[in-house]
Amino acid sequence: MYCAGVTLVLPTSSDDLFDVWEIETILRSSTPKKASEEAIGLSKSLEDWKTLGYLNQPVLYGVRYIHTHQALPPVVEGGLACTRIPVKIGTINRQELQMLTSYDEVFVSYGLMLVEKV
């Protein structure tokens, strides 16, 4: 079993801006490569972009990470094998999209809505 972070880059109403979504997908696959391919295939077949409210197909699909069975918490074993959780990561511009397609890293803003100090 693997957990894949599938990335969808979707066009916005602005020609130069794209929304980046990550969908955490749990799969029963034989290898990490197969899990990556199956995760993207599943995202395409279910047309996730429509579910997220976009009018146009993604300009890019990718896999950001693969976690192996050993790295998954025990609750996943109990029956969440088809769980898919979409999270909007942020918005990037055309240059950053080009960077992603070249396997370069892109940095997006990250903040918290609530902080509890320990």
C-alpha atoms as a PDB file:
ATOM      1  CA  MET A   1       0.000   0.000   0.000  1.00  0.00           C
ATOM      2  CA  TYR A   2       1.220   3.492  -0.848  1.00  0.00           C
ATOM      3  CA  CYS A   3       0.153   7.066  -0.213  1.00  0.00           C
ATOM      4  CA  ALA A   4       0.789   9.382  -3.184  1.00  0.00           C
ATOM      5  CA  GLY A   5       0.632  13.165  -3.246  1.00  0.00           C
ATOM      6  CA  VAL A   6      -0.825  13.862  -6.699  1.00  0.00           C
ATOM      7  CA  THR A   7      -0.385  17.433  -7.887  1.00  0.00           C
ATOM      8  CA  LEU A   8      -2.771  19.147 -10.270  1.00  0.00           C
ATOM      9  CA  VAL A   9      -1.880  22.548 -11.727  1.00  0.00           C
ATOM     10  CA  LEU A  10      -5.043  24.224 -12.964  1.00  0.00           C
ATOM     11  CA  PRO A  11      -5.528  27.361 -15.072  1.00  0.00           C
ATOM     12  CA  THR A  12      -7.309  30.263 -13.394  1.00  0.00           C
ATOM     13  CA  SER A  13      -9.235  33.127 -14.985  1.00  0.00           C
ATOM     14  CA  SER A  14      -5.904  34.960 -15.283  1.00  0.00           C
ATOM     15  CA  ASP A  15      -3.685  33.912 -18.200  1.00  0.00           C
ATOM     16  CA  ASP A  16      -0.565  34.016 -16.020  1.00  0.00           C
ATOM     17  CA  LEU A  17      -1.783  32.351 -12.808  1.00  0.00           C
ATOM     18  CA  PHE A  18      -2.355  28.696 -11.957  1.00  0.00           C
ATOM     19  CA  ASP A  19      -3.784  27.041  -8.846  1.00  0.00           C
ATOM     20  CA  VAL A  20      -1.814  24.148  -7.391  1.00  0.00           C
ATOM     21  CA  TRP A  21      -3.798  21.365  -5.727  1.00  0.00           C
ATOM     22  CA  GLU A  22      -2.472  18.269  -4.046  1.00  0.00           C
ATOM     23  CA  ILE A  23      -4.649  15.189  -3.641  1.00  0.00           C
ATOM     24  CA  GLU A  24      -3.434  12.645  -1.149  1.00  0.00           C
ATOM     25  CA  THR A  25      -4.361   9.253  -2.560  1.00  0.00           C
ATOM     26  CA  ILE A  26      -3.989   5.855  -0.923  1.00  0.00           C
ATOM     27  CA  LEU A  27      -3.427   2.966  -3.324  1.00  0.00           C
ATOM     28  CA  ARG A  28      -2.765  -0.738  -3.243  1.00  0.00           C
ATOM     29  CA  SER A  29       0.089  -1.048  -5.741  1.00  0.00           C
ATOM     30  CA  SER A  30       3.043  -3.361  -6.167  1.00  0.00           C
ATOM     31  CA  THR A  31       5.775  -0.703  -6.553  1.00  0.00           C
ATOM     32  CA  PRO A  32       6.227   3.048  -5.941  1.00  0.00           C
ATOM     33  CA  LYS A  33       6.441   3.658  -9.705  1.00  0.00           C
ATOM     34  CA  LYS A  34       3.193   1.797 -10.313  1.00  0.00           C
ATOM     35  CA  ALA A  35       1.554   3.687  -7.430  1.00  0.00           C
ATOM     36  CA  SER A  36       2.646   7.005  -8.993  1.00  0.00           C
ATOM     37  CA  GLU A  37       1.251   6.054 -12.390  1.00  0.00           C
ATOM     38  CA  GLU A  38      -1.994   4.741 -10.901  1.00  0.00           C
ATOM     39  CA  ALA A  39      -2.460   7.863  -8.768  1.00  0.00           C
ATOM     40  CA  ILE A  40      -2.190  10.152 -11.799  1.00  0.00           C
ATOM     41  CA  GLY A  41      -4.410   7.820 -13.841  1.00  0.00           C
ATOM     42  CA  LEU A  42      -7.052   7.846 -11.120  1.00  0.00           C
ATOM     43  CA  SER A  43      -6.986  11.639 -10.920  1.00  0.00           C
ATOM     44  CA  LYS A  44      -7.436  11.863 -14.692  1.00  0.00           C
ATOM     45  CA  SER A  45     -10.212   9.268 -14.865  1.00  0.00           C
ATOM     46  CA  LEU A  46     -12.214  10.844 -12.053  1.00  0.00           C
ATOM     47  CA  GLU A  47     -11.744  14.282 -13.606  1.00  0.00           C
ATOM     48  CA  ASP A  48     -10.770  15.784 -10.255  1.00  0.00           C
ATOM     49  CA  TRP A  49     -10.549  19.216 -11.828  1.00  0.00           C
ATOM     50  CA  LYS A  50     -14.326  19.230 -12.362  1.00  0.00           C
ATOM     51  CA  THR A  51     -14.941  18.138  -8.775  1.00  0.00           C
ATOM     52  CA  LEU A  52     -12.776  21.039  -7.583  1.00  0.00           C
ATOM     53  CA  GLY A  53     -14.912  23.465  -9.600  1.00  0.00           C
ATOM     54  CA  TYR A  54     -12.582  24.265 -12.509  1.00  0.00           C
ATOM     55  CA  LEU A  55     -13.790  24.672 -16.092  1.00  0.00           C
ATOM     56  CA  ASN A  56     -10.552  23.608 -17.776  1.00  0.00           C
ATOM     57  CA  GLN A  57      -8.360  20.536 -17.466  1.00  0.00           C
ATOM     58  CA  PRO A  58      -5.037  20.681 -15.596  1.00  0.00           C
ATOM     59  CA  VAL A  59      -2.001  21.926 -17.490  1.00  0.00           C
ATOM     60  CA  LEU A  60       0.163  19.600 -15.401  1.00  0.00           C
ATOM     61  CA  TYR A  61      -0.204  16.399 -13.385  1.00  0.00           C
ATOM     62  CA  GLY A  62       2.589  15.234 -11.126  1.00  0.00           C
ATOM     63  CA  VAL A  63       3.438  13.223  -8.033  1.00  0.00           C
ATOM     64  CA  ARG A  64       5.117  15.120  -5.215  1.00  0.00           C
ATOM     65  CA  TYR A  65       5.719  12.193  -2.862  1.00  0.00           C
ATOM     66  CA  ILE A  66       5.159   8.490  -2.282  1.00  0.00           C
ATOM     67  CA  HIS A  67       4.994   7.048   1.228  1.00  0.00           C
ATOM     68  CA  THR A  68       5.365   3.319   1.645  1.00  0.00           C
ATOM     69  CA  HIS A  69       3.115   1.038   3.623  1.00  0.00           C
ATOM     70  CA  GLN A  70       5.460   1.188   6.637  1.00  0.00           C
ATOM     71  CA  ALA A  71       5.178   4.992   6.807  1.00  0.00           C
ATOM     72  CA  LEU A  72       1.348   5.002   6.923  1.00  0.00           C
ATOM     73  CA  PRO A  73      -0.446   5.248  10.262  1.00  0.00           C
ATOM     74  CA  PRO A  74      -2.363   2.140  11.449  1.00  0.00           C
ATOM     75  CA  VAL A  75      -5.777   3.787  10.841  1.00  0.00           C
ATOM     76  CA  VAL A  76      -5.139   3.595   7.082  1.00  0.00           C
ATOM     77  CA  GLU A  77      -4.991  -0.178   7.278  1.00  0.00           C
ATOM     78  CA  GLY A  78      -8.496  -0.272   8.755  1.00  0.00           C
ATOM     79  CA  GLY A  79     -10.445   0.678   5.643  1.00  0.00           C
ATOM     80  CA  LEU A  80      -9.433   4.038   4.225  1.00  0.00           C
ATOM     81  CA  ALA A  81      -7.889   2.435   1.157  1.00  0.00           C
ATOM     82  CA  CYS A  82      -9.906   4.631  -1.224  1.00  0.00           C
ATOM     83  CA  THR A  83      -9.590   7.912   0.649  1.00  0.00           C
ATOM     84  CA  ARG A  84      -8.573  10.940  -1.417  1.00  0.00           C
ATOM     85  CA  ILE A  85      -8.089  14.315   0.244  1.00  0.00           C
ATOM     86  CA  PRO A  86      -7.646  17.455  -1.926  1.00  0.00           C
ATOM     87  CA  VAL A  87      -5.762  20.448  -0.504  1.00  0.00           C
ATOM     88  CA  LYS A  88      -5.135  23.733  -2.306  1.00  0.00           C
ATOM     89  CA  ILE A  89      -1.420  24.460  -1.953  1.00  0.00           C
ATOM     90  CA  GLY A  90      -1.410  27.919  -3.521  1.00  0.00           C
ATOM     91  CA  THR A  91      -1.210  29.891  -6.744  1.00  0.00           C
ATOM     92  CA  ILE A  92       1.818  30.096  -9.020  1.00  0.00           C
ATOM     93  CA  ASN A  93       2.683  32.133 -12.102  1.00  0.00           C
ATOM     94  CA  ARG A  94       3.717  30.949 -15.569  1.00  0.00           C
ATOM     95  CA  GLN A  95       7.449  31.083 -14.748  1.00  0.00           C
ATOM     96  CA  GLU A  96       6.929  28.904 -11.682  1.00  0.00           C
ATOM     97  CA  LEU A  97       4.902  26.475 -13.818  1.00  0.00           C
ATOM     98  CA  GLN A  98       7.872  26.206 -16.177  1.00  0.00           C
ATOM     99  CA  MET A  99      10.106  25.547 -13.180  1.00  0.00           C
ATOM    100  CA  LEU A 100       7.853  22.676 -12.046  1.00  0.00           C
ATOM    101  CA  THR A 101       7.900  21.089 -15.485  1.00  0.00           C
ATOM    102  CA  SER A 102      11.731  21.205 -15.314  1.00  0.00           C
ATOM    103  CA  TYR A 103      11.709  19.432 -11.913  1.00  0.00           C
ATOM    104  CA  ASP A 104      12.808  22.629 -10.144  1.00  0.00           C
ATOM    105  CA  GLU A 105      11.350  23.552  -6.772  1.00  0.00           C
ATOM    106  CA  VAL A 106       8.776  26.294  -6.398  1.00  0.00           C
ATOM    107  CA  PHE A 107       8.176  28.001  -3.085  1.00  0.00           C
ATOM    108  CA  VAL A 108       4.658  28.969  -2.021  1.00  0.00           C
ATOM    109  CA  SER A 109       3.585  31.022   0.967  1.00  0.00           C
ATOM    110  CA  TYR A 110       2.687  28.999   4.042  1.00  0.00           C
ATOM    111  CA  GLY A 111       0.947  30.391   7.116  1.00  0.00           C
ATOM    112  CA  LEU A 112      -1.145  29.193  10.035  1.00  0.00           C
ATOM    113  CA  MET A 113      -4.664  30.248  10.979  1.00  0.00           C
ATOM    114  CA  LEU A 114      -4.261  29.217  14.636  1.00  0.00           C
ATOM    115  CA  VAL A 115      -1.150  28.722  16.734  1.00  0.00           C
ATOM    116  CA  GLU A 116      -0.983  26.917  20.047  1.00  0.00           C
ATOM    117  CA  LYS A 117       2.339  27.288  21.771  1.00  0.00           C
ATOM    118  CA  VAL A 118       3.599  24.379  23.851  1.00  0.00           C
END
